[in-house]
Protein backbone atom coordinates (compact mmCIF):
# COMPACT_ATOMS: atom_id res chain seq x y z
CA MET A 1 143.23 243.69 140.00
CA LYS A 2 145.97 246.18 139.15
CA PHE A 3 148.54 243.84 140.68
CA LEU A 4 147.30 240.99 138.48
CA PHE A 5 147.42 243.20 135.39
CA LYS A 6 150.97 244.21 136.27
CA LEU A 7 151.93 240.56 136.80
CA SER A 8 150.32 239.64 133.47
CA GLY A 9 152.24 242.45 131.75
CA LEU A 10 155.55 241.27 133.23
CA VAL A 11 154.94 237.69 132.07
CA ASP A 12 153.94 238.91 128.61
CA ALA A 13 157.08 241.05 128.42
CA LEU A 14 159.27 238.12 129.53
CA ASN A 15 157.84 235.75 126.92
CA GLY A 16 157.98 238.52 124.31
CA ARG A 17 161.70 238.96 124.94
CA VAL A 18 162.30 235.22 124.87
CA GLY A 19 160.38 234.96 121.59
CA ARG A 20 162.40 237.74 119.98
CA ALA A 21 165.65 236.15 121.16
CA LEU A 22 164.61 232.81 119.69
CA LYS A 23 164.72 234.32 116.22
CA TRP A 24 168.50 234.22 116.55
CA LEU A 25 168.39 230.56 117.56
CA ILE A 26 166.38 229.83 114.43
CA LEU A 27 168.97 231.61 112.30
CA ALA A 28 171.80 229.74 114.04
CA ALA A 29 170.01 226.39 113.56
CA VAL A 30 169.44 227.06 109.85
CA LEU A 31 173.05 228.15 109.26
CA LEU A 32 174.42 225.23 111.24
CA SER A 33 172.14 222.78 109.45
CA ALA A 34 173.20 224.13 106.05
CA GLY A 35 176.87 224.04 107.06
CA ASN A 36 176.58 220.45 108.28
CA ALA A 37 174.84 219.37 105.07
CA ILE A 38 177.45 221.10 102.88
CA ALA A 39 180.32 219.58 104.88
CA ARG A 40 178.82 216.08 104.56
CA LYS A 41 178.00 216.28 100.86
CA ALA A 42 180.91 218.33 99.54
CA PHE A 43 183.75 217.31 101.86
CA HIS A 44 182.55 213.93 103.17
CA THR A 45 183.15 215.06 106.72
CA GLY A 46 181.00 215.94 109.68
CA SER A 47 180.93 216.53 113.38
CA MET A 48 178.68 214.74 115.85
CA ALA A 49 179.04 217.68 118.23
CA LEU A 50 177.74 220.10 115.58
CA LEU A 51 174.83 217.78 114.80
CA GLU A 52 173.95 217.71 118.49
CA VAL A 53 174.22 221.51 118.74
CA GLN A 54 171.79 221.67 115.83
CA TRP A 55 169.42 219.37 117.76
CA TYR A 56 169.81 221.47 120.93
CA LEU A 57 168.98 224.66 119.02
CA PHE A 58 165.94 223.05 117.42
CA SER A 59 164.74 221.84 120.84
CA GLY A 60 165.33 225.27 122.35
CA VAL A 61 163.25 227.03 119.73
CA PHE A 62 160.23 224.80 120.26
CA LEU A 63 160.40 224.35 124.02
CA LEU A 64 161.30 227.92 124.95
CA GLY A 65 158.98 229.35 122.30
CA ALA A 66 155.78 227.69 123.57
CA GLY A 67 154.96 230.56 125.94
CA TYR A 68 155.60 233.10 123.16
CA ALA A 69 153.32 231.14 120.81
CA PHE A 70 150.56 231.24 123.44
CA LEU A 71 151.12 234.97 123.98
CA LYS A 72 150.79 235.67 120.25
CA ASN A 73 147.85 233.25 119.86
CA VAL A 74 149.65 231.29 117.15
CA HIS A 75 149.24 227.95 118.88
CA VAL A 76 147.03 225.23 117.45
CA ARG A 77 143.39 226.20 117.54
CA ILE A 78 140.45 225.01 115.47
CA ASP A 79 139.87 228.38 113.82
CA PHE A 80 136.85 227.47 111.71
CA VAL A 81 135.01 226.53 114.94
CA SER A 82 136.56 229.22 117.12
CA SER A 83 135.72 232.02 114.68
CA ARG A 84 132.01 231.13 114.90
CA LEU A 85 131.94 231.43 118.70
CA SER A 86 131.36 234.59 120.68
CA ALA A 87 134.33 236.19 122.43
CA ARG A 88 132.84 235.24 125.82
CA THR A 89 132.45 231.59 124.80
CA ARG A 90 136.03 231.49 123.48
CA SER A 91 137.24 232.95 126.77
CA TRP A 92 135.39 230.31 128.79
CA ILE A 93 136.79 227.54 126.58
CA ASP A 94 140.29 228.96 127.07
CA ILE A 95 139.82 229.16 130.85
CA VAL A 96 138.65 225.54 131.08
CA GLY A 97 141.41 224.38 128.74
CA ILE A 98 144.10 226.17 130.74
CA LEU A 99 142.85 225.00 134.15
CA VAL A 100 141.97 221.41 133.22
CA PHE A 101 144.60 220.54 130.61
CA LEU A 102 147.43 223.01 130.03
CA ALA A 103 148.43 224.03 133.57
CA PRO A 104 148.40 220.46 134.97
CA PHE A 105 150.31 219.23 131.89
CA CYS A 106 153.00 221.92 132.33
CA TRP A 107 153.27 221.22 136.06
CA LEU A 108 153.57 217.47 135.47
CA LEU A 109 156.32 217.93 132.87
CA ILE A 110 158.22 220.29 135.18
CA GLN A 111 157.97 217.75 138.02
CA LEU A 112 159.12 214.87 135.82
CA SER A 113 161.87 216.66 133.91
CA TRP A 114 163.57 218.56 136.73
CA PRO A 115 165.05 215.42 138.37
CA LEU A 116 166.41 214.31 134.97
CA PHE A 117 168.18 217.64 134.59
CA VAL A 118 169.57 217.51 138.15
CA LYS A 119 170.81 213.94 137.66
CA ALA A 120 172.50 214.85 134.35
CA TRP A 121 174.05 217.97 135.92
CA GLN A 122 175.44 216.06 138.90
CA SER A 123 176.73 213.11 136.89
CA GLY A 124 178.06 215.13 133.96
CA GLU A 125 176.06 212.90 131.61
CA MET A 126 177.45 212.88 128.08
CA SER A 127 175.91 211.85 124.80
CA GLN A 128 176.57 208.23 123.86
CA ASN A 129 177.65 209.33 120.39
CA ALA A 130 181.37 209.66 119.73
CA GLY A 131 182.28 213.32 120.02
CA GLY A 132 178.87 214.09 121.56
CA LEU A 133 178.06 216.86 124.02
CA ILE A 134 177.00 217.09 127.63
CA ARG A 135 173.28 216.47 128.07
CA TRP A 136 172.19 218.73 130.94
CA PRO A 137 171.63 221.85 128.77
CA VAL A 138 169.08 220.07 126.61
CA TYR A 139 167.44 218.49 129.66
CA LEU A 140 167.10 221.96 131.19
CA LEU A 141 165.12 223.21 128.19
CA LEU A 142 162.04 221.16 129.10
CA PRO A 143 161.40 222.46 132.64
CA VAL A 144 162.32 226.02 131.67
CA GLY A 145 160.10 225.91 128.58
CA MET A 146 157.18 224.48 130.55
CA ALA A 147 157.69 227.09 133.28
CA LEU A 148 157.49 229.86 130.67
CA LEU A 149 154.34 228.27 129.22
CA LEU A 150 152.83 227.90 132.71
CA LEU A 151 153.54 231.57 133.46
CA GLN A 152 151.94 232.58 130.16
CA SER A 153 148.94 230.42 131.04
CA ALA A 154 148.52 232.40 134.26
CA SER A 155 148.77 235.64 132.30
CA GLU A 156 146.15 234.46 129.82
CA LEU A 157 143.85 233.43 132.67
CA ILE A 158 144.11 236.90 134.15
CA LYS A 159 143.22 238.46 130.79
CA ARG A 160 140.31 236.08 130.14
CA PHE A 161 138.76 236.64 133.58
CA ALA A 162 139.26 240.41 133.27
CA PHE A 163 137.52 240.34 129.87
CA LEU A 164 134.60 238.33 131.27
CA ARG A 165 134.24 240.86 134.09
CA GLY A 166 134.19 243.69 131.55
CA LEU A 167 137.46 245.24 132.72
CA ILE A 168 139.32 244.93 129.41
CA SER A 169 138.55 244.46 125.75
CA ASP A 170 138.84 241.02 124.16
CA PRO A 171 142.55 240.08 124.46
CA LEU A 172 142.28 237.70 121.50
CA ALA A 173 140.98 240.46 119.21
CA HIS A 174 144.10 242.52 119.95
CA VAL A 175 146.44 239.60 119.29
CA GLN A 176 144.61 238.54 116.11
CA ALA A 177 144.86 242.09 114.73
CA GLU A 178 148.57 242.20 115.58
CA ASN A 179 149.23 238.83 113.93
CA ALA A 180 147.37 239.94 110.80
CA SER A 181 149.51 243.07 110.37
CA PRO A 182 151.62 243.15 107.18
CA GLU A 183 154.87 243.37 109.12
CA GLY A 184 153.87 240.48 111.37
CA THR A 185 155.45 242.24 114.34
CA GLN A 186 154.52 245.28 116.27
CA ALA A 187 155.70 246.72 119.52
CA ASP A 188 154.57 244.38 122.28
CA THR A 189 151.83 246.20 124.08
CA HIS A 190 149.81 244.63 126.80
CA PRO A 191 146.22 244.05 125.65
CA ALA A 192 144.87 244.47 129.14
CA GLU A 193 143.89 248.10 128.82
CA VAL A 194 141.40 248.96 131.51
CA ARG A 195 138.14 250.40 130.27
């Protein structure tokens, strides 16, 4: 079990680093979006390449940030139902959801999107817009993002099973307390502390 905890900690650390790096992509996307809007309105000029960079940054934030959102438990959840369930029931629902829906969905998207990336890489596919960019970087975001989410799913499975076996405290309680902190961020510590 120690190996699985270590693996879970490595995945959590990876997605934590990716999530913190994505804050800079958000800033870049906001600044670029504002710059594009000002250039269009004030100077009646614009750049298709900059608009596509803005789109690439936006895509990167959402696709690469999915694993981080799962790590921090800020993904979509029906809280008014979930809060009424016991921690064990929530863990079982998460396990079934990961195994039946999330993991197969991630695997399917990786399988379908990887050939698109490879084809775009080999052909040097360009945007059809005048002054547009190459397409393979944005195609690569989907399989990489789904791989990060799939890895985080494995980490969450390890934590849920460990909780159900009584080896760790409720991993969701730790994350919920961290997300409720006034700063909104704390040092990323692995919730899988062995009892």
